[in-house]
Amino acid sequence: MSDDNENTEFFQEEEKRDAEGETASEEEELTLTNKIIVVIGYICSIFFPVVGFIYGIILLLLKKEPPIYRKHAPYIIIISIVMCFIIALIEMIYFHII
């Protein structure tokens, strides 16, 4: 009887995680180092758009690394592109090109 109880509890916890969209392997891979690497990507994409763009592409192409990298890489790339346009627009206005 106790084995059935333990199995039932295990499956209920697993279903709960699946409903939340997380698996046990994803929970383990969300370490502080992984979060810092992603945050560095966002910072680079805002302050150094070209570097952030390259950083985002590198994160996107890493196949064996944690899925958090591939999840945030497109956002880092998009922010880099938007920031490039914003900086170009500011420079055009400053130098009276527009």
Foldseek 3Di string as FASTA:
>chain_A
DVVVVVVVVVVVVQVVCVVVVHHPVLVVQPDPVVVVLLVVLQVCLQPPLVVSLVSLVVLCPDDPHRCVSVVRSVVSNVSSVVNVVVVVVVVCVVVVVD
